[in-house]
Protein backbone atom coordinates (compact mmCIF):
# COMPACT_ATOMS: atom_id res chain seq x y z
CA MET A 1 -18.21 -19.38 -10.85
CA PRO A 2 -19.52 -16.75 -7.82
CA LYS A 3 -21.34 -13.88 -8.89
CA THR A 4 -18.91 -11.12 -9.55
CA PHE A 5 -19.28 -6.96 -8.70
CA PRO A 6 -17.51 -4.58 -10.73
CA ILE A 7 -15.76 -1.61 -8.46
CA ARG A 8 -14.02 1.50 -9.90
CA LEU A 9 -11.30 2.88 -7.61
CA GLU A 10 -8.93 6.24 -8.35
CA VAL A 11 -5.80 5.84 -7.18
CA GLU A 12 -2.93 9.10 -6.58
CA GLU A 13 0.09 8.21 -9.53
CA ILE A 14 2.42 7.69 -6.42
CA ALA A 15 0.22 4.98 -4.94
CA LEU A 16 -0.28 3.12 -8.00
CA GLY A 17 2.26 0.41 -7.23
CA PRO A 18 1.43 -0.19 -3.53
CA VAL A 19 -2.43 -0.57 -3.96
CA LEU A 20 -2.12 -2.75 -7.10
CA ARG A 21 0.32 -5.41 -4.80
CA LYS A 22 -2.59 -4.78 -2.54
CA LEU A 23 -5.06 -5.64 -4.54
CA ASN A 24 -3.48 -8.63 -6.11
CA GLU A 25 -3.02 -10.42 -2.71
CA MET A 26 -6.36 -9.70 -1.59
CA PRO A 27 -8.86 -13.21 -1.68
CA GLY A 28 -11.97 -12.38 -4.21
CA ILE A 29 -10.51 -10.48 -6.45
CA VAL A 30 -11.13 -12.18 -9.75
CA LYS A 31 -10.14 -9.17 -12.39
CA LEU A 32 -8.27 -6.40 -12.68
CA ASP A 33 -8.87 -3.27 -15.21
CA LEU A 34 -6.26 -0.50 -15.79
CA ASP A 35 -7.75 2.51 -17.28
CA LEU A 36 -4.40 4.68 -17.63
CA GLY A 37 -6.31 7.39 -19.81
CA GLN A 38 -5.65 10.20 -17.24
CA GLY A 39 -1.56 9.27 -17.52
CA GLY A 40 -1.31 10.34 -20.87
CA GLN A 41 -0.85 8.91 -24.41
CA GLY A 42 1.82 7.30 -25.91
CA ALA A 43 5.26 6.86 -24.06
CA GLY A 44 3.89 8.15 -21.09
CA ARG A 45 1.29 5.33 -21.04
CA LYS A 46 3.28 2.71 -21.82
CA GLN A 47 5.67 3.51 -19.05
CA LEU A 48 2.75 3.47 -16.40
CA GLU A 49 1.18 0.02 -17.98
CA LYS A 50 5.20 -1.61 -17.81
CA HIS A 51 5.49 -0.44 -14.17
CA ALA A 52 1.84 -1.69 -13.38
CA ALA A 53 2.66 -5.47 -15.16
CA GLU A 54 6.10 -5.12 -13.33
CA THR A 55 4.57 -4.65 -9.68
CA LEU A 56 1.85 -7.35 -10.29
CA LYS A 57 4.48 -9.98 -11.77
CA ASN A 58 7.27 -9.43 -9.11
CA GLY A 59 5.54 -7.75 -6.07
CA SER A 60 6.92 -4.64 -5.00
CA ARG A 61 9.04 -4.86 -2.24
CA GLU A 62 8.38 -0.32 -1.38
CA PRO A 63 5.28 -1.71 0.58
CA ALA A 64 7.14 -4.29 2.65
CA VAL A 65 9.28 -1.67 3.84
CA LEU A 66 6.75 0.99 4.17
CA LYS A 67 4.97 -1.42 6.61
CA LEU A 68 8.09 -2.31 8.55
CA LEU A 69 8.27 1.74 9.15
CA MET A 70 5.06 1.98 9.97
CA SER A 71 5.81 0.14 13.79
CA GLY A 72 8.73 3.28 13.95
CA PRO A 73 12.07 4.11 12.80
CA LYS A 74 14.25 1.12 11.39
CA HIS A 75 17.76 0.98 10.65
CA ILE A 76 19.22 -0.19 7.56
CA ARG A 77 19.70 -3.74 9.15
CA ASP A 78 16.47 -4.64 9.35
CA ILE A 79 15.15 -3.57 6.47
CA SER A 80 18.03 -5.51 4.84
CA ALA A 81 16.47 -8.26 6.59
CA LEU A 82 13.35 -8.14 5.42
CA LEU A 83 14.36 -8.13 1.50
CA GLY A 84 16.97 -10.77 1.64
CA GLY A 85 20.32 -10.55 -0.75
CA LYS A 86 22.97 -8.33 -0.62
CA LYS A 87 22.89 -5.47 1.53
CA THR A 88 23.11 -3.21 -1.67
CA ARG A 89 19.54 -3.81 -2.39
CA ALA A 90 17.84 -2.19 0.66
CA TYR A 91 20.43 0.55 -0.27
CA GLY A 92 18.81 0.70 -3.39
CA LEU A 93 15.21 0.85 -2.15
CA MET A 94 15.79 3.35 0.56
CA ASN A 95 17.14 5.76 -1.90
CA SER A 96 14.11 5.06 -4.33
CA LEU A 97 11.80 5.70 -1.05
CA GLN A 98 13.73 8.72 -0.42
CA LYS A 99 13.68 10.27 -4.07
CA LYS A 100 9.87 9.97 -3.78
CA HIS A 101 9.84 11.78 -0.49
CA LEU A 102 8.25 8.60 1.03
CA THR A 103 11.09 8.27 3.68
CA LYS A 104 13.99 9.78 5.36
CA SER A 105 17.27 9.49 6.94
CA ILE A 106 17.53 10.27 10.48
CA GLY A 107 21.27 9.40 10.81
CA LYS A 108 22.84 6.34 11.61
CA GLY A 109 21.60 4.04 9.61
CA MET A 110 18.20 4.60 10.92
CA HIS A 111 15.23 5.52 8.37
CA GLU A 112 11.52 6.55 8.98
CA LEU A 113 8.02 7.64 7.11
CA THR A 114 8.04 10.99 6.12
CA ALA A 115 4.79 13.15 6.36
CA LYS A 116 4.18 12.50 2.96
CA ALA A 117 4.18 8.93 3.44
CA LEU A 118 1.81 9.27 6.28
CA ALA A 119 -0.57 10.76 4.57
CA GLN A 120 -0.42 8.25 1.79
CA LEU A 121 -1.11 5.55 4.35
CA GLY A 122 -3.84 7.73 6.20
CA LEU A 123 -1.96 8.09 9.41
CA THR A 124 -0.49 10.64 11.63
CA ALA A 125 2.81 11.18 13.19
CA GLN A 126 1.32 9.89 16.43
CA ASP A 127 0.09 6.61 14.91
CA VAL A 128 4.00 5.81 14.73
CA PRO A 129 6.33 4.82 17.70
CA GLN A 130 9.09 7.46 17.91
CA GLN A 131 12.74 6.52 17.75
CA ALA A 132 14.51 6.87 20.88
CA ILE A 133 16.97 9.28 21.91
CA ALA A 134 20.53 8.68 20.40
CA LEU A 135 23.63 9.75 21.18
CA PRO A 136 25.02 12.37 18.60
CA ALA A 137 27.60 10.80 16.03
CA PRO A 138 31.00 10.86 17.68
CA ALA A 139 33.52 14.03 16.61
CA LEU A 140 37.27 13.47 15.76
CA LYS A 141 39.13 12.77 19.40
CA HIS A 142 42.83 14.15 19.44
CA GLY A 143 45.51 13.33 21.41
CA PRO A 144 47.97 16.03 23.53
CA GLY A 145 49.68 16.56 20.66
CA GLY A 146 46.65 17.50 18.50
CA ARG A 147 47.20 14.26 16.32
CA ALA A 148 43.51 12.47 16.24
CA SER A 149 43.59 9.79 18.31
CA PRO A 150 44.39 6.03 16.56
CA GLY A 151 41.12 4.76 15.41
CA SER A 152 39.31 8.00 15.54
CA GLY A 153 39.07 8.38 11.83
CA ASN A 154 37.85 4.70 11.24
CA VAL A 155 34.79 5.71 14.26
CA VAL A 156 34.30 9.06 12.27
CA LEU A 157 33.91 6.83 8.91
CA LYS A 158 31.44 4.34 10.58
CA ALA A 159 29.22 7.23 11.60
CA ILE A 160 29.28 9.09 8.08
CA LEU A 161 28.50 5.73 6.15
CA SER A 162 26.40 4.00 8.83
CA ASP A 163 23.41 5.03 6.90
CA GLY A 164 24.14 4.19 3.31
CA PRO A 165 27.38 4.77 0.45
CA LYS A 166 28.82 8.52 0.22
CA THR A 167 29.87 10.06 -2.59
CA PRO A 168 33.58 11.27 -2.14
CA ALA A 169 32.50 14.67 -1.87
CA ASP A 170 29.94 13.89 0.86
CA VAL A 171 32.47 11.92 2.97
CA ARG A 172 34.71 15.08 2.73
CA ALA A 173 32.21 17.17 4.03
CA GLN A 174 30.83 15.41 6.40
CA ALA A 175 34.05 14.86 8.12
CA ALA A 176 35.23 18.26 8.06
CA GLU A 177 32.35 18.91 10.13
CA LYS A 178 33.30 16.16 12.75
CA GLY A 179 37.14 17.48 12.72
CA ILE A 180 38.94 15.59 10.08
CA SER A 181 40.76 18.13 7.83
CA PRO A 182 40.34 17.72 3.91
CA LYS A 183 44.31 17.21 3.74
CA SER A 184 44.13 14.21 6.41
CA ILE A 185 40.33 12.53 5.20
CA SER A 186 42.76 11.19 1.73
CA GLY A 187 44.99 9.36 4.33
CA VAL A 188 41.86 8.12 6.46
CA LEU A 189 40.08 6.73 3.84
CA ASP A 190 43.31 5.00 2.26
CA ARG A 191 44.04 3.69 5.37
CA ALA A 192 40.49 2.37 6.16
CA ARG A 193 40.30 0.42 2.60
CA LYS A 194 43.28 -1.06 2.93
CA SER A 195 42.08 -2.50 5.89
CA GLY A 196 38.86 -3.81 4.67
CA LEU A 197 36.58 -1.47 6.77
CA ILE A 198 35.27 0.58 4.02
CA LYS A 199 35.31 -0.59 -0.17
CA LYS A 200 34.66 1.66 -3.23
CA ASN A 201 31.47 1.37 -5.12
CA GLY A 202 29.48 2.88 -7.95
CA GLN A 203 28.31 5.88 -5.99
CA GLY A 204 31.59 6.40 -3.47
CA TYR A 205 32.38 4.30 -0.53
CA GLU A 206 30.69 2.16 2.13
CA LEU A 207 31.17 0.03 4.57
CA THR A 208 32.36 -3.63 4.51
CA ALA A 209 31.09 -6.40 6.72
CA LYS A 210 33.94 -5.71 8.43
CA GLY A 211 33.88 -1.68 8.92
CA GLN A 212 29.95 -2.21 10.05
CA LYS A 213 31.51 -3.67 13.25
CA ILE A 214 33.57 -0.58 14.32
CA GLU A 215 32.15 0.51 17.80
CA LEU A 216 30.92 4.16 17.76
CA ARG A 217 32.03 5.85 20.71
CA ALA A 218 30.09 8.39 22.93
C-alpha cells in the first residue's frame, strides 16, 4: 500500500456536506476521520454525524447545483434537467438552498448564487456571468369595457408560478400587484385548474407541464 500522510482540515459547518463530497470523489483519499467535537455532544453531534454519513453514502446534489450556478443564473428547467427525476425535486432542493441563503430567486424561474455562496466558493460577483436583461413580468391586460382580456389571467399565473410553487396567499398577493382583484383571482385559479394549467400540491399551487407552455407576452 502506498505511503499516506494525515492532513487536518477545519471546515465551516455550512460547507461540511460539499467538502466531504468533493474529498470523497478525489483520487488518493484513503480514509476520512470526522472530528465533530466542536459540533456539540448528544443529539447535536449525532445529527452532524448522520448528515455526514448520508452525504458520503448518497452524495449531495447541492454541490452539483452550486457548480451549475457558478456559470451564471439558471432556470429551474436547467436545474431539473441536471438532477433528473420529477421537477418537484428541483423545487425542493432550491427551497433548501434558499433557506441556507446560498441561492436566490431572480424571477421567472431563474436562480443565482448569493453573496454568501460566492464567499464560500472563493468567488466574487465578477467571476460569475450575469443574467441577460429580461422583460418585466406581464401585468393583467384589460379590454375596452374594462374586463380582463381572455387568457390574461393565465399569463399572470405563469409569471407568478414560473419560479416554483407558491402558497395561495402568495399567489393572491402577487396577482393583486399585477392587476387581478382578490374577487377575480378565485375564478382565474379555478378555471386554470380545470383547464389543467395549474395543480395543487402541499404548498399551494404549481404549474403543470401544460401550464409551462403558456407564452409570456411582453
